[in-house]
Amino acid sequence: DGMGVLEHGDLLRVDANLEFCKTALGCLKGSGAFAEHAVEIGIYAQQIAVLEHAHAVKSRTTPAYKKKLLARAAESAQEAIRHFSVCLGPTHGKVMQMQAKLREWKL
């Protein structure tokens, strides 16, 4: 995508977005209303996956930490797929989109 390495300011924004998404996701999960919020949970998990992947690929970090971030991104993507499948159906575009991302990321 030609972005190269994320600069410090960009990384801070990625971290802030990640923090926001994780907090929102935690609140939704904590509400116990999974069925009502499955789409929102999926969207936050999807966003977290994308941000974690960006962080892993574009930050200057150790190979071990990069591997850890990529594993987290894969986990978040799987969570998004699960929630989208439940509420939108396994063949919905959002499910396909996340599965394509996982293939593109080779995770």
N, C-alpha and C. Protein backbone atom coordinates (compact mmCIF):
# COMPACT_ATOMS: atom_id res chain seq x y z
N ASP A 1 0.82 -1.21 0.00
CA ASP A 1 0.00 0.00 0.00
C ASP A 1 0.86 1.27 0.00
N GLY A 2 2.16 1.09 -0.03
CA GLY A 2 3.06 2.23 -0.16
C GLY A 2 3.17 3.12 1.07
N MET A 3 2.61 2.69 2.21
CA MET A 3 2.66 3.54 3.39
C MET A 3 4.03 3.53 4.07
N GLY A 4 4.76 2.43 3.91
CA GLY A 4 6.05 2.36 4.57
C GLY A 4 5.89 2.18 6.07
N VAL A 5 6.92 2.57 6.77
CA VAL A 5 6.93 2.43 8.23
C VAL A 5 6.09 3.56 8.84
N LEU A 6 5.34 3.22 9.86
CA LEU A 6 4.55 4.24 10.56
C LEU A 6 5.47 5.12 11.39
N GLU A 7 5.27 6.40 11.29
CA GLU A 7 6.04 7.34 12.13
C GLU A 7 5.43 7.36 13.52
N HIS A 8 6.14 7.95 14.46
CA HIS A 8 5.72 7.97 15.86
C HIS A 8 4.30 8.50 16.04
N GLY A 9 3.97 9.63 15.39
CA GLY A 9 2.63 10.23 15.51
C GLY A 9 1.55 9.30 14.99
N ASP A 10 1.85 8.61 13.87
CA ASP A 10 0.88 7.67 13.30
C ASP A 10 0.65 6.50 14.25
N LEU A 11 1.75 6.03 14.84
CA LEU A 11 1.64 4.92 15.79
C LEU A 11 0.81 5.31 17.00
N LEU A 12 0.97 6.54 17.47
CA LEU A 12 0.17 7.01 18.60
C LEU A 12 -1.31 7.02 18.23
N ARG A 13 -1.61 7.42 17.00
CA ARG A 13 -3.02 7.42 16.54
C ARG A 13 -3.55 5.99 16.44
N VAL A 14 -2.73 5.09 15.89
CA VAL A 14 -3.14 3.68 15.81
C VAL A 14 -3.42 3.14 17.21
N ASP A 15 -2.51 3.44 18.15
CA ASP A 15 -2.69 2.98 19.54
C ASP A 15 -3.94 3.56 20.17
N ALA A 16 -4.20 4.85 19.92
CA ALA A 16 -5.39 5.50 20.48
C ALA A 16 -6.66 4.88 19.90
N ASN A 17 -6.66 4.63 18.59
CA ASN A 17 -7.82 3.98 17.95
C ASN A 17 -8.01 2.57 18.49
N LEU A 18 -6.90 1.85 18.66
CA LEU A 18 -6.97 0.49 19.20
C LEU A 18 -7.57 0.52 20.60
N GLU A 19 -7.09 1.44 21.42
CA GLU A 19 -7.57 1.57 22.79
C GLU A 19 -9.07 1.85 22.81
N PHE A 20 -9.50 2.77 21.93
CA PHE A 20 -10.92 3.11 21.84
C PHE A 20 -11.74 1.89 21.45
N CYS A 21 -11.31 1.20 20.39
CA CYS A 21 -12.05 0.02 19.91
C CYS A 21 -12.10 -1.08 20.96
N LYS A 22 -10.98 -1.29 21.65
CA LYS A 22 -10.94 -2.35 22.68
C LYS A 22 -11.86 -2.00 23.85
N THR A 23 -11.90 -0.72 24.22
CA THR A 23 -12.77 -0.27 25.31
C THR A 23 -14.23 -0.45 24.91
N ALA A 24 -14.57 -0.01 23.69
CA ALA A 24 -15.95 -0.13 23.20
C ALA A 24 -16.35 -1.60 23.12
N LEU A 25 -15.45 -2.43 22.63
CA LEU A 25 -15.72 -3.87 22.51
C LEU A 25 -15.94 -4.47 23.89
N GLY A 26 -15.10 -4.09 24.85
CA GLY A 26 -15.24 -4.58 26.22
C GLY A 26 -16.58 -4.20 26.82
N CYS A 27 -17.01 -2.96 26.57
CA CYS A 27 -18.31 -2.50 27.09
C CYS A 27 -19.46 -3.29 26.48
N LEU A 28 -19.39 -3.50 25.17
CA LEU A 28 -20.45 -4.26 24.49
C LEU A 28 -20.51 -5.69 25.01
N LYS A 29 -19.34 -6.31 25.16
CA LYS A 29 -19.30 -7.68 25.66
C LYS A 29 -19.78 -7.74 27.10
N GLY A 30 -19.41 -6.73 27.87
CA GLY A 30 -19.79 -6.67 29.28
C GLY A 30 -21.28 -6.49 29.49
N SER A 31 -21.95 -5.95 28.47
CA SER A 31 -23.40 -5.72 28.57
C SER A 31 -24.18 -7.03 28.56
N GLY A 32 -23.52 -8.10 28.08
CA GLY A 32 -24.17 -9.40 28.02
C GLY A 32 -25.18 -9.52 26.89
N ALA A 33 -25.36 -8.45 26.14
CA ALA A 33 -26.35 -8.45 25.05
C ALA A 33 -25.67 -8.77 23.72
N PHE A 34 -25.09 -9.98 23.65
CA PHE A 34 -24.35 -10.38 22.44
C PHE A 34 -25.20 -10.33 21.19
N ALA A 35 -26.40 -10.88 21.27
CA ALA A 35 -27.26 -10.97 20.09
C ALA A 35 -27.59 -9.59 19.54
N GLU A 36 -27.94 -8.68 20.43
CA GLU A 36 -28.33 -7.33 20.00
C GLU A 36 -27.14 -6.57 19.43
N HIS A 37 -25.95 -6.91 19.91
CA HIS A 37 -24.78 -6.12 19.52
C HIS A 37 -23.78 -6.88 18.64
N ALA A 38 -24.21 -8.02 18.11
CA ALA A 38 -23.27 -8.86 17.35
C ALA A 38 -22.61 -8.11 16.20
N VAL A 39 -23.38 -7.29 15.48
CA VAL A 39 -22.80 -6.55 14.35
C VAL A 39 -21.77 -5.55 14.85
N GLU A 40 -22.12 -4.78 15.90
CA GLU A 40 -21.18 -3.80 16.44
C GLU A 40 -19.92 -4.49 16.97
N ILE A 41 -20.10 -5.61 17.66
CA ILE A 41 -18.95 -6.35 18.18
C ILE A 41 -18.07 -6.79 17.02
N GLY A 42 -18.70 -7.28 15.97
CA GLY A 42 -17.95 -7.68 14.76
C GLY A 42 -17.19 -6.53 14.16
N ILE A 43 -17.82 -5.37 14.08
CA ILE A 43 -17.19 -4.18 13.48
C ILE A 43 -15.98 -3.73 14.31
N TYR A 44 -16.14 -3.72 15.64
CA TYR A 44 -15.01 -3.33 16.49
C TYR A 44 -13.88 -4.36 16.38
N ALA A 45 -14.22 -5.64 16.38
CA ALA A 45 -13.20 -6.68 16.26
C ALA A 45 -12.48 -6.55 14.92
N GLN A 46 -13.24 -6.24 13.88
CA GLN A 46 -12.66 -6.05 12.54
C GLN A 46 -11.67 -4.88 12.56
N GLN A 47 -12.09 -3.78 13.17
CA GLN A 47 -11.26 -2.58 13.25
C GLN A 47 -9.98 -2.87 14.04
N ILE A 48 -10.13 -3.61 15.13
CA ILE A 48 -8.98 -3.97 15.96
C ILE A 48 -8.00 -4.82 15.14
N ALA A 49 -8.52 -5.78 14.40
CA ALA A 49 -7.67 -6.64 13.57
C ALA A 49 -6.87 -5.81 12.58
N VAL A 50 -7.53 -4.87 11.90
CA VAL A 50 -6.88 -4.02 10.90
C VAL A 50 -5.79 -3.16 11.55
N LEU A 51 -6.11 -2.58 12.71
CA LEU A 51 -5.14 -1.73 13.42
C LEU A 51 -3.95 -2.54 13.94
N GLU A 52 -4.23 -3.73 14.48
CA GLU A 52 -3.15 -4.58 14.99
C GLU A 52 -2.24 -5.02 13.85
N HIS A 53 -2.86 -5.34 12.72
CA HIS A 53 -2.06 -5.75 11.56
C HIS A 53 -1.18 -4.60 11.08
N ALA A 54 -1.77 -3.40 11.01
CA ALA A 54 -1.02 -2.21 10.58
C ALA A 54 0.16 -1.97 11.53
N HIS A 55 -0.11 -2.10 12.82
CA HIS A 55 0.93 -1.90 13.83
C HIS A 55 2.06 -2.92 13.64
N ALA A 56 1.68 -4.18 13.44
CA ALA A 56 2.67 -5.25 13.30
C ALA A 56 3.54 -5.06 12.06
N VAL A 57 2.90 -4.70 10.97
CA VAL A 57 3.59 -4.64 9.69
C VAL A 57 4.38 -3.34 9.52
N LYS A 58 3.86 -2.27 10.10
CA LYS A 58 4.43 -0.96 9.79
C LYS A 58 5.24 -0.30 10.90
N SER A 59 5.30 -0.93 12.07
CA SER A 59 6.10 -0.30 13.13
C SER A 59 7.47 -0.96 13.17
N ARG A 60 8.42 -0.22 13.67
CA ARG A 60 9.77 -0.79 13.85
C ARG A 60 9.75 -1.55 15.16
N THR A 61 9.68 -2.85 15.07
CA THR A 61 9.61 -3.65 16.29
C THR A 61 10.37 -4.95 16.10
N THR A 62 10.53 -5.70 17.17
CA THR A 62 11.28 -6.96 17.09
C THR A 62 10.43 -8.01 16.37
N PRO A 63 11.08 -8.98 15.72
CA PRO A 63 10.33 -10.05 15.05
C PRO A 63 9.38 -10.79 16.00
N ALA A 64 9.81 -10.98 17.24
CA ALA A 64 8.98 -11.69 18.23
C ALA A 64 7.70 -10.91 18.53
N TYR A 65 7.85 -9.58 18.72
CA TYR A 65 6.68 -8.76 19.02
C TYR A 65 5.77 -8.65 17.80
N LYS A 66 6.38 -8.57 16.63
CA LYS A 66 5.62 -8.51 15.37
C LYS A 66 4.75 -9.77 15.24
N LYS A 67 5.36 -10.92 15.57
CA LYS A 67 4.65 -12.21 15.50
C LYS A 67 3.45 -12.21 16.46
N LYS A 68 3.68 -11.66 17.66
CA LYS A 68 2.64 -11.59 18.68
C LYS A 68 1.48 -10.71 18.19
N LEU A 69 1.83 -9.55 17.60
CA LEU A 69 0.80 -8.63 17.09
C LEU A 69 0.02 -9.27 15.95
N LEU A 70 0.71 -9.99 15.07
CA LEU A 70 0.03 -10.66 13.95
C LEU A 70 -0.91 -11.75 14.47
N ALA A 71 -0.48 -12.45 15.51
CA ALA A 71 -1.34 -13.49 16.11
C ALA A 71 -2.59 -12.85 16.69
N ARG A 72 -2.41 -11.68 17.34
CA ARG A 72 -3.56 -10.95 17.90
C ARG A 72 -4.49 -10.48 16.79
N ALA A 73 -3.91 -9.98 15.70
CA ALA A 73 -4.72 -9.51 14.57
C ALA A 73 -5.55 -10.67 14.00
N ALA A 74 -4.93 -11.84 13.89
CA ALA A 74 -5.64 -13.02 13.38
C ALA A 74 -6.79 -13.40 14.31
N GLU A 75 -6.53 -13.34 15.62
CA GLU A 75 -7.55 -13.65 16.63
C GLU A 75 -8.73 -12.69 16.53
N SER A 76 -8.42 -11.40 16.40
CA SER A 76 -9.48 -10.38 16.28
C SER A 76 -10.28 -10.58 15.01
N ALA A 77 -9.58 -10.91 13.93
CA ALA A 77 -10.26 -11.15 12.65
C ALA A 77 -11.20 -12.36 12.77
N GLN A 78 -10.74 -13.42 13.44
CA GLN A 78 -11.58 -14.61 13.64
C GLN A 78 -12.80 -14.26 14.48
N GLU A 79 -12.60 -13.40 15.48
CA GLU A 79 -13.72 -12.98 16.33
C GLU A 79 -14.74 -12.21 15.49
N ALA A 80 -14.25 -11.32 14.64
CA ALA A 80 -15.14 -10.55 13.75
C ALA A 80 -15.93 -11.50 12.86
N ILE A 81 -15.24 -12.48 12.29
CA ILE A 81 -15.89 -13.46 11.40
C ILE A 81 -16.99 -14.21 12.15
N ARG A 82 -16.67 -14.63 13.40
CA ARG A 82 -17.67 -15.36 14.21
C ARG A 82 -18.93 -14.52 14.42
N HIS A 83 -18.74 -13.27 14.83
CA HIS A 83 -19.89 -12.41 15.13
C HIS A 83 -20.68 -12.06 13.86
N PHE A 84 -19.98 -11.76 12.77
CA PHE A 84 -20.67 -11.45 11.51
C PHE A 84 -21.44 -12.68 11.02
N SER A 85 -20.84 -13.87 11.17
CA SER A 85 -21.49 -15.11 10.71
C SER A 85 -22.80 -15.35 11.46
N VAL A 86 -22.75 -15.11 12.78
CA VAL A 86 -23.93 -15.33 13.62
C VAL A 86 -25.07 -14.40 13.22
N CYS A 87 -24.77 -13.11 13.07
CA CYS A 87 -25.88 -12.17 12.86
C CYS A 87 -26.19 -11.89 11.39
N LEU A 88 -25.22 -12.07 10.52
CA LEU A 88 -25.44 -11.72 9.10
C LEU A 88 -25.45 -12.95 8.19
N GLY A 89 -24.97 -14.06 8.71
CA GLY A 89 -24.90 -15.28 7.91
C GLY A 89 -23.48 -15.49 7.39
N PRO A 90 -23.10 -16.78 7.24
CA PRO A 90 -21.72 -17.13 6.88
C PRO A 90 -21.28 -16.69 5.48
N THR A 91 -22.24 -16.33 4.64
CA THR A 91 -21.86 -15.93 3.28
C THR A 91 -21.97 -14.42 3.07
N HIS A 92 -22.22 -13.69 4.15
CA HIS A 92 -22.35 -12.23 4.04
C HIS A 92 -21.03 -11.59 3.60
N GLY A 93 -21.14 -10.47 2.93
CA GLY A 93 -19.97 -9.74 2.44
C GLY A 93 -18.94 -9.42 3.50
N LYS A 94 -19.41 -9.08 4.71
CA LYS A 94 -18.47 -8.73 5.80
C LYS A 94 -17.63 -9.95 6.21
N VAL A 95 -18.25 -11.13 6.20
CA VAL A 95 -17.53 -12.37 6.52
C VAL A 95 -16.49 -12.62 5.44
N MET A 96 -16.92 -12.51 4.18
CA MET A 96 -16.03 -12.73 3.04
C MET A 96 -14.85 -11.75 3.06
N GLN A 97 -15.15 -10.51 3.39
CA GLN A 97 -14.15 -9.45 3.44
C GLN A 97 -13.06 -9.78 4.47
N MET A 98 -13.47 -10.23 5.65
CA MET A 98 -12.49 -10.56 6.70
C MET A 98 -11.70 -11.81 6.33
N GLN A 99 -12.36 -12.79 5.71
CA GLN A 99 -11.64 -14.00 5.29
C GLN A 99 -10.61 -13.65 4.23
N ALA A 100 -10.98 -12.73 3.33
CA ALA A 100 -10.05 -12.28 2.30
C ALA A 100 -8.85 -11.56 2.93
N LYS A 101 -9.13 -10.74 3.96
CA LYS A 101 -8.06 -10.03 4.67
C LYS A 101 -7.07 -11.03 5.28
N LEU A 102 -7.59 -12.06 5.92
CA LEU A 102 -6.73 -13.08 6.55
C LEU A 102 -5.84 -13.75 5.50
N ARG A 103 -6.43 -14.04 4.33
CA ARG A 103 -5.64 -14.64 3.25
C ARG A 103 -4.58 -13.66 2.76
N GLU A 104 -4.99 -12.40 2.58
CA GLU A 104 -4.08 -11.37 2.10
C GLU A 104 -2.93 -11.17 3.10
N TRP A 105 -3.25 -11.24 4.40
CA TRP A 105 -2.24 -11.09 5.44
C TRP A 105 -1.45 -12.38 5.67
N LYS A 106 -1.89 -13.45 4.99
CA LYS A 106 -1.26 -14.78 5.14
C LYS A 106 -1.29 -15.25 6.59
N LEU A 107 -2.43 -15.06 7.25
CA LEU A 107 -2.57 -15.48 8.65
C LEU A 107 -3.50 -16.67 8.76
